[in-house]
Amino acid sequence: MGKRKTMEQAANILTQSLRHRIGSIVNDHEVYASKYAKDAEILLSEAKKMLEKYHWNADDAQLFKKMVERKLKQELTEKTFLAERKFEIMDEEIEKMLKECQIFASS
């Protein structure tokens, strides 16, 4: 698998992870909140493994961030059962998760 394809797949997985993390935060009173939080960590780990296979430059990091932002906004828009506060914390959660990936920490 090429670098670009890896980036796209990792962005998809990271988007799912972020959706689950945000869902567990904004709907923390729901029964599924703790399961969503655990799923988010598992997905994050999977994305990290994929991203470790390549060297990523600053341009890659910016492209990856934009991919994740676009995909996440679309997913959160579709998930109407999540509290509207989801959009307020979206950018902050993206930044946190990219730092957790460490590959893009300097972006």
C-alpha atoms as a PDB file:
ATOM      1  CA  MET A   1       0.000   0.000   0.000  1.00  0.00           C
ATOM      2  CA  GLY A   2       1.331   3.423  -0.923  1.00  0.00           C
ATOM      3  CA  LYS A   3       1.832   6.424   1.298  1.00  0.00           C
ATOM      4  CA  ARG A   4      -1.263   8.251   0.059  1.00  0.00           C
ATOM      5  CA  LYS A   5      -3.516   5.199   0.458  1.00  0.00           C
ATOM      6  CA  THR A   6      -2.140   4.624   3.961  1.00  0.00           C
ATOM      7  CA  MET A   7      -2.873   8.247   4.799  1.00  0.00           C
ATOM      8  CA  GLU A   8      -6.462   7.932   3.562  1.00  0.00           C
ATOM      9  CA  GLN A   9      -7.090   4.715   5.486  1.00  0.00           C
ATOM     10  CA  ALA A  10      -5.506   6.091   8.654  1.00  0.00           C
ATOM     11  CA  ALA A  11      -7.635   9.254   8.296  1.00  0.00           C
ATOM     12  CA  ASN A  12     -10.767   7.092   8.067  1.00  0.00           C
ATOM     13  CA  ILE A  13      -9.802   5.135  11.175  1.00  0.00           C
ATOM     14  CA  LEU A  14      -8.814   8.263  13.075  1.00  0.00           C
ATOM     15  CA  THR A  15     -12.108   9.880  12.105  1.00  0.00           C
ATOM     16  CA  GLN A  16     -13.989   6.922  13.589  1.00  0.00           C
ATOM     17  CA  SER A  17     -11.855   7.150  16.705  1.00  0.00           C
ATOM     18  CA  LEU A  18     -12.585  10.864  17.064  1.00  0.00           C
ATOM     19  CA  ARG A  19     -16.291  10.323  16.506  1.00  0.00           C
ATOM     20  CA  HIS A  20     -16.335   7.739  19.295  1.00  0.00           C
ATOM     21  CA  ARG A  21     -14.246   9.920  21.611  1.00  0.00           C
ATOM     22  CA  ILE A  22     -16.454  12.952  21.025  1.00  0.00           C
ATOM     23  CA  GLY A  23     -19.575  10.812  21.442  1.00  0.00           C
ATOM     24  CA  SER A  24     -18.324   9.562  24.786  1.00  0.00           C
ATOM     25  CA  ILE A  25     -17.648  13.145  25.905  1.00  0.00           C
ATOM     26  CA  VAL A  26     -20.838  14.901  24.786  1.00  0.00           C
ATOM     27  CA  ASN A  27     -23.180  12.032  25.667  1.00  0.00           C
ATOM     28  CA  ASP A  28     -21.358  10.911  28.807  1.00  0.00           C
ATOM     29  CA  HIS A  29     -24.638  10.143  30.565  1.00  0.00           C
ATOM     30  CA  GLU A  30     -25.509   7.435  28.002  1.00  0.00           C
ATOM     31  CA  VAL A  31     -24.926   3.739  28.641  1.00  0.00           C
ATOM     32  CA  TYR A  32     -22.632   3.403  25.618  1.00  0.00           C
ATOM     33  CA  ALA A  33     -20.263   6.247  26.595  1.00  0.00           C
ATOM     34  CA  SER A  34     -17.612   4.063  28.216  1.00  0.00           C
ATOM     35  CA  LYS A  35     -17.727   1.584  25.328  1.00  0.00           C
ATOM     36  CA  TYR A  36     -17.256   4.458  22.860  1.00  0.00           C
ATOM     37  CA  ALA A  37     -14.247   5.703  24.840  1.00  0.00           C
ATOM     38  CA  LYS A  38     -12.636   2.244  24.763  1.00  0.00           C
ATOM     39  CA  ASP A  39     -13.378   1.870  21.041  1.00  0.00           C
ATOM     40  CA  ALA A  40     -11.750   5.258  20.422  1.00  0.00           C
ATOM     41  CA  GLU A  41      -8.516   4.095  22.043  1.00  0.00           C
ATOM     42  CA  ILE A  42      -8.463   0.835  20.062  1.00  0.00           C
ATOM     43  CA  LEU A  43      -9.010   2.693  16.786  1.00  0.00           C
ATOM     44  CA  LEU A  44      -6.357   5.267  17.669  1.00  0.00           C
ATOM     45  CA  SER A  45      -3.859   2.473  18.268  1.00  0.00           C
ATOM     46  CA  GLU A  46      -4.691   0.953  14.880  1.00  0.00           C
ATOM     47  CA  ALA A  47      -4.205   4.298  13.107  1.00  0.00           C
ATOM     48  CA  LYS A  48      -0.859   4.864  14.872  1.00  0.00           C
ATOM     49  CA  LYS A  49       0.437   1.517  13.636  1.00  0.00           C
ATOM     50  CA  MET A  50      -0.485   2.412  10.069  1.00  0.00           C
ATOM     51  CA  LEU A  51       1.115   5.851  10.277  1.00  0.00           C
ATOM     52  CA  GLU A  52       4.387   4.526  11.696  1.00  0.00           C
ATOM     53  CA  LYS A  53       5.184   2.821   8.381  1.00  0.00           C
ATOM     54  CA  TYR A  54       6.183   6.062   6.635  1.00  0.00           C
ATOM     55  CA  HIS A  55       8.082   9.273   7.202  1.00  0.00           C
ATOM     56  CA  TRP A  56       5.647  12.193   7.181  1.00  0.00           C
ATOM     57  CA  ASN A  57       6.666  15.748   6.314  1.00  0.00           C
ATOM     58  CA  ALA A  58       4.884  19.004   7.204  1.00  0.00           C
ATOM     59  CA  ASP A  59       2.887  18.988   3.952  1.00  0.00           C
ATOM     60  CA  ASP A  60       1.688  15.442   4.681  1.00  0.00           C
ATOM     61  CA  ALA A  61       0.687  16.511   8.173  1.00  0.00           C
ATOM     62  CA  GLN A  62      -1.389  19.434   6.899  1.00  0.00           C
ATOM     63  CA  LEU A  63      -3.061  17.282   4.252  1.00  0.00           C
ATOM     64  CA  PHE A  64      -3.816  14.582   6.820  1.00  0.00           C
ATOM     65  CA  LYS A  65      -5.282  17.102   9.260  1.00  0.00           C
ATOM     66  CA  LYS A  66      -7.537  18.554   6.561  1.00  0.00           C
ATOM     67  CA  MET A  67      -8.700  15.047   5.576  1.00  0.00           C
ATOM     68  CA  VAL A  68      -9.592  14.246   9.167  1.00  0.00           C
ATOM     69  CA  GLU A  69     -11.337  17.597   9.726  1.00  0.00           C
ATOM     70  CA  ARG A  70     -13.456  17.215   6.593  1.00  0.00           C
ATOM     71  CA  LYS A  71     -14.395  13.596   7.287  1.00  0.00           C
ATOM     72  CA  LEU A  72     -15.126  14.217  10.959  1.00  0.00           C
ATOM     73  CA  LYS A  73     -17.351  17.214  10.291  1.00  0.00           C
ATOM     74  CA  GLN A  74     -19.346  15.143   7.812  1.00  0.00           C
ATOM     75  CA  GLU A  75     -19.675  12.228  10.244  1.00  0.00           C
ATOM     76  CA  LEU A  76     -20.688  14.439  13.167  1.00  0.00           C
ATOM     77  CA  THR A  77     -23.274  16.176  11.018  1.00  0.00           C
ATOM     78  CA  GLU A  78     -24.844  12.802  10.221  1.00  0.00           C
ATOM     79  CA  LYS A  79     -24.868  11.676  13.880  1.00  0.00           C
ATOM     80  CA  THR A  80     -27.852  13.695  15.051  1.00  0.00           C
ATOM     81  CA  PHE A  81     -28.149  11.729  18.302  1.00  0.00           C
ATOM     82  CA  LEU A  82     -24.950  13.352  19.573  1.00  0.00           C
ATOM     83  CA  ALA A  83     -25.322  16.599  21.478  1.00  0.00           C
ATOM     84  CA  GLU A  84     -24.685  19.777  19.453  1.00  0.00           C
ATOM     85  CA  ARG A  85     -21.697  20.535  21.649  1.00  0.00           C
ATOM     86  CA  LYS A  86     -19.844  18.039  19.441  1.00  0.00           C
ATOM     87  CA  PHE A  87     -18.848  20.816  17.038  1.00  0.00           C
ATOM     88  CA  GLU A  88     -17.516  22.997  19.860  1.00  0.00           C
ATOM     89  CA  ILE A  89     -14.958  20.395  20.920  1.00  0.00           C
ATOM     90  CA  MET A  90     -14.150  18.961  17.488  1.00  0.00           C
ATOM     91  CA  ASP A  91     -11.025  21.057  16.737  1.00  0.00           C
ATOM     92  CA  GLU A  92      -9.585  20.568  20.205  1.00  0.00           C
ATOM     93  CA  GLU A  93     -10.073  16.797  20.011  1.00  0.00           C
ATOM     94  CA  ILE A  94      -8.440  16.647  16.565  1.00  0.00           C
ATOM     95  CA  GLU A  95      -5.391  18.464  17.919  1.00  0.00           C
ATOM     96  CA  LYS A  96      -5.182  16.149  20.931  1.00  0.00           C
ATOM     97  CA  MET A  97      -5.409  13.056  18.797  1.00  0.00           C
ATOM     98  CA  LEU A  98      -2.793  14.248  16.303  1.00  0.00           C
ATOM     99  CA  LYS A  99      -0.437  14.897  19.203  1.00  0.00           C
ATOM    100  CA  GLU A 100      -1.149  11.405  20.511  1.00  0.00           C
ATOM    101  CA  CYS A 101      -0.104  10.062  17.135  1.00  0.00           C
ATOM    102  CA  GLN A 102       3.240  11.887  17.648  1.00  0.00           C
ATOM    103  CA  ILE A 103       4.026  11.507  13.945  1.00  0.00           C
ATOM    104  CA  PHE A 104       2.308  14.813  13.265  1.00  0.00           C
ATOM    105  CA  ALA A 105       3.180  16.493  16.564  1.00  0.00           C
ATOM    106  CA  SER A 106       5.079  19.316  14.880  1.00  0.00           C
ATOM    107  CA  SER A 107       2.225  20.296  12.551  1.00  0.00           C
END
